Amino acid sequence: MAKKGAISAYTLIWVGLVLFLIIPFYFVLNGIIQKSIGVSIDTHNLEHYLLLNRVFYSTNSFFYNDPYTGRTNLEEIDFSKFDENTLKNLFGENAKIAMQVVLEGSEPIYYNQNLYEFIEEIHYESEKYDMASKNKIVLVKYPDGMKEKKLLMVNVGFEE
């Protein structure tokens, strides 16, 4: 008789454990997982911001490359490379953006100038177009060796 009672007690303990601990734990864990998976991440402008940052972080940009170490100095602009050809080489022909790069005291340079001017006029009124900008104080290294601190402004227009 004692064996049947002991088996019943163990069975009740396990049934209670399953009902009151494991099943609620399963539903809580499942809810947490479903909630975290259900969160959507907004990446609609990610490509455009990556293209904007290409100006600042690419070795093919107008930032100074040290010939000895091969490193790009992100605080120093090589003024001899500050032209529209550098932007065309940086983005190619099929980039979906338009860009204006202004170095304080210099004429602005453009990538897709007509598209940039169009987006600049219309982006406040249209949800189809948007703009982003990034400014940075840089040291400009001129071909004659002279260096000067200036503000670099990069404005990008893109179609969403």
C-alpha atoms as a PDB file:
ATOM      1  CA  MET A   1       0.000   0.000   0.000  1.00  0.00           C
ATOM      2  CA  ALA A   2       2.780   2.404   0.784  1.00  0.00           C
ATOM      3  CA  LYS A   3       4.177   2.086  -2.713  1.00  0.00           C
ATOM      4  CA  LYS A   4       0.907   3.107  -4.339  1.00  0.00           C
ATOM      5  CA  GLY A   5       0.636   6.126  -2.046  1.00  0.00           C
ATOM      6  CA  ALA A   6       4.239   7.131  -2.723  1.00  0.00           C
ATOM      7  CA  ILE A   7       3.722   6.878  -6.483  1.00  0.00           C
ATOM      8  CA  SER A   8       0.535   8.988  -6.214  1.00  0.00           C
ATOM      9  CA  ALA A   9       2.360  11.645  -4.186  1.00  0.00           C
ATOM     10  CA  TYR A  10       5.188  11.850  -6.735  1.00  0.00           C
ATOM     11  CA  THR A  11       2.679  11.987  -9.563  1.00  0.00           C
ATOM     12  CA  LEU A  12       0.805  14.843  -7.900  1.00  0.00           C
ATOM     13  CA  ILE A  13       4.073  16.728  -7.315  1.00  0.00           C
ATOM     14  CA  TRP A  14       5.086  16.358 -10.963  1.00  0.00           C
ATOM     15  CA  VAL A  15       1.656  17.279 -12.267  1.00  0.00           C
ATOM     16  CA  GLY A  16       1.657  20.330  -9.994  1.00  0.00           C
ATOM     17  CA  LEU A  17       5.160  21.271 -11.123  1.00  0.00           C
ATOM     18  CA  VAL A  18       4.166  21.021 -14.777  1.00  0.00           C
ATOM     19  CA  LEU A  19       0.908  22.924 -14.308  1.00  0.00           C
ATOM     20  CA  PHE A  20       2.156  25.728 -12.092  1.00  0.00           C
ATOM     21  CA  LEU A  21       5.752  26.223 -13.209  1.00  0.00           C
ATOM     22  CA  ILE A  22       6.625  24.806 -16.594  1.00  0.00           C
ATOM     23  CA  ILE A  23       3.482  25.746 -18.539  1.00  0.00           C
ATOM     24  CA  PRO A  24       3.427  29.412 -17.350  1.00  0.00           C
ATOM     25  CA  PHE A  25       7.192  29.632 -17.939  1.00  0.00           C
ATOM     26  CA  TYR A  26       6.637  28.362 -21.496  1.00  0.00           C
ATOM     27  CA  PHE A  27       3.958  30.981 -22.222  1.00  0.00           C
ATOM     28  CA  VAL A  28       6.026  33.816 -20.742  1.00  0.00           C
ATOM     29  CA  LEU A  29       9.107  32.786 -22.690  1.00  0.00           C
ATOM     30  CA  ASN A  30       7.072  32.336 -25.875  1.00  0.00           C
ATOM     31  CA  GLY A  31       5.532  35.803 -25.400  1.00  0.00           C
ATOM     32  CA  ILE A  32       8.935  37.418 -24.952  1.00  0.00           C
ATOM     33  CA  ILE A  33      10.270  35.731 -28.069  1.00  0.00           C
ATOM     34  CA  GLN A  34       7.221  36.699 -30.151  1.00  0.00           C
ATOM     35  CA  LYS A  35       7.411  40.284 -28.920  1.00  0.00           C
ATOM     36  CA  SER A  36      11.077  40.633 -29.822  1.00  0.00           C
ATOM     37  CA  ILE A  37      10.632  39.054 -33.247  1.00  0.00           C
ATOM     38  CA  GLY A  38       7.588  41.198 -33.975  1.00  0.00           C
ATOM     39  CA  VAL A  39       9.521  44.462 -33.672  1.00  0.00           C
ATOM     40  CA  SER A  40      10.150  45.893 -37.098  1.00  0.00           C
ATOM     41  CA  ILE A  41      13.258  47.927 -37.765  1.00  0.00           C
ATOM     42  CA  ASP A  42      12.919  51.004 -39.942  1.00  0.00           C
ATOM     43  CA  THR A  43      15.725  50.912 -42.517  1.00  0.00           C
ATOM     44  CA  HIS A  44      14.180  52.931 -45.319  1.00  0.00           C
ATOM     45  CA  ASN A  45      16.999  55.528 -45.334  1.00  0.00           C
ATOM     46  CA  LEU A  46      19.856  53.245 -44.383  1.00  0.00           C
ATOM     47  CA  GLU A  47      21.316  53.020 -47.884  1.00  0.00           C
ATOM     48  CA  HIS A  48      21.321  56.798 -48.236  1.00  0.00           C
ATOM     49  CA  TYR A  49      23.048  57.372 -44.911  1.00  0.00           C
ATOM     50  CA  LEU A  50      25.655  54.775 -45.849  1.00  0.00           C
ATOM     51  CA  LEU A  51      26.275  56.646 -49.100  1.00  0.00           C
ATOM     52  CA  LEU A  52      26.532  59.915 -47.152  1.00  0.00           C
ATOM     53  CA  ASN A  53      29.122  58.401 -44.841  1.00  0.00           C
ATOM     54  CA  ARG A  54      31.099  57.104 -47.824  1.00  0.00           C
ATOM     55  CA  VAL A  55      32.297  60.690 -48.298  1.00  0.00           C
ATOM     56  CA  PHE A  56      33.799  60.685 -44.817  1.00  0.00           C
ATOM     57  CA  TYR A  57      35.151  57.161 -44.498  1.00  0.00           C
ATOM     58  CA  SER A  58      36.199  56.001 -47.964  1.00  0.00           C
ATOM     59  CA  THR A  59      39.887  55.964 -48.872  1.00  0.00           C
ATOM     60  CA  ASN A  60      38.866  57.224 -52.333  1.00  0.00           C
ATOM     61  CA  SER A  61      37.338  60.397 -50.918  1.00  0.00           C
ATOM     62  CA  PHE A  62      39.083  63.758 -50.656  1.00  0.00           C
ATOM     63  CA  PHE A  63      40.495  63.060 -47.215  1.00  0.00           C
ATOM     64  CA  TYR A  64      44.273  62.878 -46.958  1.00  0.00           C
ATOM     65  CA  ASN A  65      45.906  59.464 -47.397  1.00  0.00           C
ATOM     66  CA  ASP A  66      49.291  59.093 -45.728  1.00  0.00           C
ATOM     67  CA  PRO A  67      51.636  57.660 -48.392  1.00  0.00           C
ATOM     68  CA  TYR A  68      53.790  55.888 -45.792  1.00  0.00           C
ATOM     69  CA  THR A  69      51.147  54.155 -43.704  1.00  0.00           C
ATOM     70  CA  GLY A  70      48.319  54.013 -46.263  1.00  0.00           C
ATOM     71  CA  ARG A  71      45.880  55.300 -43.656  1.00  0.00           C
ATOM     72  CA  THR A  72      43.226  57.916 -44.307  1.00  0.00           C
ATOM     73  CA  ASN A  73      43.245  60.909 -41.984  1.00  0.00           C
ATOM     74  CA  LEU A  74      39.581  61.774 -41.400  1.00  0.00           C
ATOM     75  CA  GLU A  75      40.452  65.180 -40.008  1.00  0.00           C
ATOM     76  CA  GLU A  76      42.478  66.423 -42.988  1.00  0.00           C
ATOM     77  CA  ILE A  77      41.335  67.146 -46.555  1.00  0.00           C
ATOM     78  CA  ASP A  78      43.680  66.935 -49.524  1.00  0.00           C
ATOM     79  CA  PHE A  79      42.544  70.033 -51.429  1.00  0.00           C
ATOM     80  CA  SER A  80      43.976  68.718 -54.701  1.00  0.00           C
ATOM     81  CA  LYS A  81      41.320  65.944 -54.602  1.00  0.00           C
ATOM     82  CA  PHE A  82      38.444  68.286 -53.713  1.00  0.00           C
ATOM     83  CA  ASP A  83      36.538  68.270 -57.017  1.00  0.00           C
ATOM     84  CA  GLU A  84      33.520  66.758 -58.746  1.00  0.00           C
ATOM     85  CA  ASN A  85      35.604  63.991 -60.337  1.00  0.00           C
ATOM     86  CA  THR A  86      36.383  62.623 -56.883  1.00  0.00           C
ATOM     87  CA  LEU A  87      32.646  62.434 -56.129  1.00  0.00           C
ATOM     88  CA  LYS A  88      31.939  60.773 -59.485  1.00  0.00           C
ATOM     89  CA  ASN A  89      34.660  58.188 -58.831  1.00  0.00           C
ATOM     90  CA  LEU A  90      33.369  57.665 -55.305  1.00  0.00           C
ATOM     91  CA  PHE A  91      29.743  56.973 -56.262  1.00  0.00           C
ATOM     92  CA  GLY A  92      29.887  55.884 -59.880  1.00  0.00           C
ATOM     93  CA  GLU A  93      27.156  56.640 -62.366  1.00  0.00           C
ATOM     94  CA  ASN A  94      24.169  54.837 -60.858  1.00  0.00           C
ATOM     95  CA  ALA A  95      23.987  56.151 -57.297  1.00  0.00           C
ATOM     96  CA  LYS A  96      20.467  57.052 -56.197  1.00  0.00           C
ATOM     97  CA  ILE A  97      21.521  60.247 -54.468  1.00  0.00           C
ATOM     98  CA  ALA A  98      22.342  63.866 -55.176  1.00  0.00           C
ATOM     99  CA  MET A  99      24.980  65.667 -53.166  1.00  0.00           C
ATOM    100  CA  GLN A 100      26.388  69.097 -52.437  1.00  0.00           C
ATOM    101  CA  VAL A 101      29.762  69.345 -50.698  1.00  0.00           C
ATOM    102  CA  VAL A 102      30.775  72.766 -49.424  1.00  0.00           C
ATOM    103  CA  LEU A 103      34.152  73.620 -47.982  1.00  0.00           C
ATOM    104  CA  GLU A 104      34.020  76.962 -46.212  1.00  0.00           C
ATOM    105  CA  GLY A 105      35.370  79.690 -48.499  1.00  0.00           C
ATOM    106  CA  SER A 106      35.237  77.517 -51.646  1.00  0.00           C
ATOM    107  CA  GLU A 107      32.701  76.945 -54.378  1.00  0.00           C
ATOM    108  CA  PRO A 108      30.389  73.976 -53.698  1.00  0.00           C
ATOM    109  CA  ILE A 109      30.914  70.789 -55.654  1.00  0.00           C
ATOM    110  CA  TYR A 110      28.006  68.590 -56.718  1.00  0.00           C
ATOM    111  CA  TYR A 111      27.133  65.038 -57.540  1.00  0.00           C
ATOM    112  CA  ASN A 112      23.941  65.038 -59.663  1.00  0.00           C
ATOM    113  CA  GLN A 113      23.563  68.819 -59.359  1.00  0.00           C
ATOM    114  CA  ASN A 114      20.218  69.104 -61.168  1.00  0.00           C
ATOM    115  CA  LEU A 115      18.641  66.425 -58.988  1.00  0.00           C
ATOM    116  CA  TYR A 116      20.096  68.042 -55.855  1.00  0.00           C
ATOM    117  CA  GLU A 117      18.636  71.460 -56.697  1.00  0.00           C
ATOM    118  CA  PHE A 118      15.259  69.859 -57.460  1.00  0.00           C
ATOM    119  CA  ILE A 119      15.185  67.924 -54.170  1.00  0.00           C
ATOM    120  CA  GLU A 120      16.371  70.966 -52.207  1.00  0.00           C
ATOM    121  CA  GLU A 121      13.345  72.936 -53.423  1.00  0.00           C
ATOM    122  CA  ILE A 122      10.706  70.232 -53.018  1.00  0.00           C
ATOM    123  CA  HIS A 123      11.731  68.025 -50.066  1.00  0.00           C
ATOM    124  CA  TYR A 124       9.732  69.976 -47.449  1.00  0.00           C
ATOM    125  CA  GLU A 125       6.521  69.586 -49.427  1.00  0.00           C
ATOM    126  CA  SER A 126       6.998  66.008 -50.610  1.00  0.00           C
ATOM    127  CA  GLU A 127       7.218  62.755 -48.706  1.00  0.00           C
ATOM    128  CA  LYS A 128       8.928  61.165 -51.690  1.00  0.00           C
ATOM    129  CA  TYR A 129      12.172  63.118 -51.224  1.00  0.00           C
ATOM    130  CA  ASP A 130      14.302  63.744 -48.175  1.00  0.00           C
ATOM    131  CA  MET A 131      17.619  65.329 -47.275  1.00  0.00           C
ATOM    132  CA  ALA A 132      20.375  64.615 -44.792  1.00  0.00           C
ATOM    133  CA  SER A 133      23.473  66.565 -43.892  1.00  0.00           C
ATOM    134  CA  LYS A 134      26.675  66.130 -41.977  1.00  0.00           C
ATOM    135  CA  ASN A 135      29.113  68.864 -40.965  1.00  0.00           C
ATOM    136  CA  LYS A 136      32.663  68.542 -39.738  1.00  0.00           C
ATOM    137  CA  ILE A 137      35.550  70.878 -39.001  1.00  0.00           C
ATOM    138  CA  VAL A 138      38.572  69.696 -40.961  1.00  0.00           C
ATOM    139  CA  LEU A 139      42.133  70.708 -41.642  1.00  0.00           C
ATOM    140  CA  VAL A 140      42.585  71.538 -45.328  1.00  0.00           C
ATOM    141  CA  LYS A 141      46.000  70.690 -46.762  1.00  0.00           C
ATOM    142  CA  TYR A 142      46.746  72.756 -49.883  1.00  0.00           C
ATOM    143  CA  PRO A 143      49.192  71.608 -52.597  1.00  0.00           C
ATOM    144  CA  ASP A 144      51.733  74.245 -51.501  1.00  0.00           C
ATOM    145  CA  GLY A 145      51.863  72.654 -48.018  1.00  0.00           C
ATOM    146  CA  MET A 146      49.799  75.311 -46.238  1.00  0.00           C
ATOM    147  CA  LYS A 147      47.150  74.021 -43.796  1.00  0.00           C
ATOM    148  CA  GLU A 148      43.978  75.754 -42.651  1.00  0.00           C
ATOM    149  CA  LYS A 149      40.947  74.755 -40.503  1.00  0.00           C
ATOM    150  CA  LYS A 150      37.600  75.007 -42.287  1.00  0.00           C
ATOM    151  CA  LEU A 151      34.054  73.732 -42.027  1.00  0.00           C
ATOM    152  CA  LEU A 152      33.064  70.900 -44.385  1.00  0.00           C
ATOM    153  CA  MET A 153      29.322  70.591 -45.079  1.00  0.00           C
ATOM    154  CA  VAL A 154      27.932  67.581 -46.920  1.00  0.00           C
ATOM    155  CA  ASN A 155      24.263  67.753 -47.910  1.00  0.00           C
ATOM    156  CA  VAL A 156      22.569  64.783 -49.536  1.00  0.00           C
ATOM    157  CA  GLY A 157      19.201  64.581 -51.255  1.00  0.00           C
ATOM    158  CA  PHE A 158      17.554  61.271 -52.012  1.00  0.00           C
ATOM    159  CA  GLU A 159      14.330  59.690 -53.116  1.00  0.00           C
ATOM    160  CA  GLU A 160      12.708  57.564 -50.420  1.00  0.00           C
END
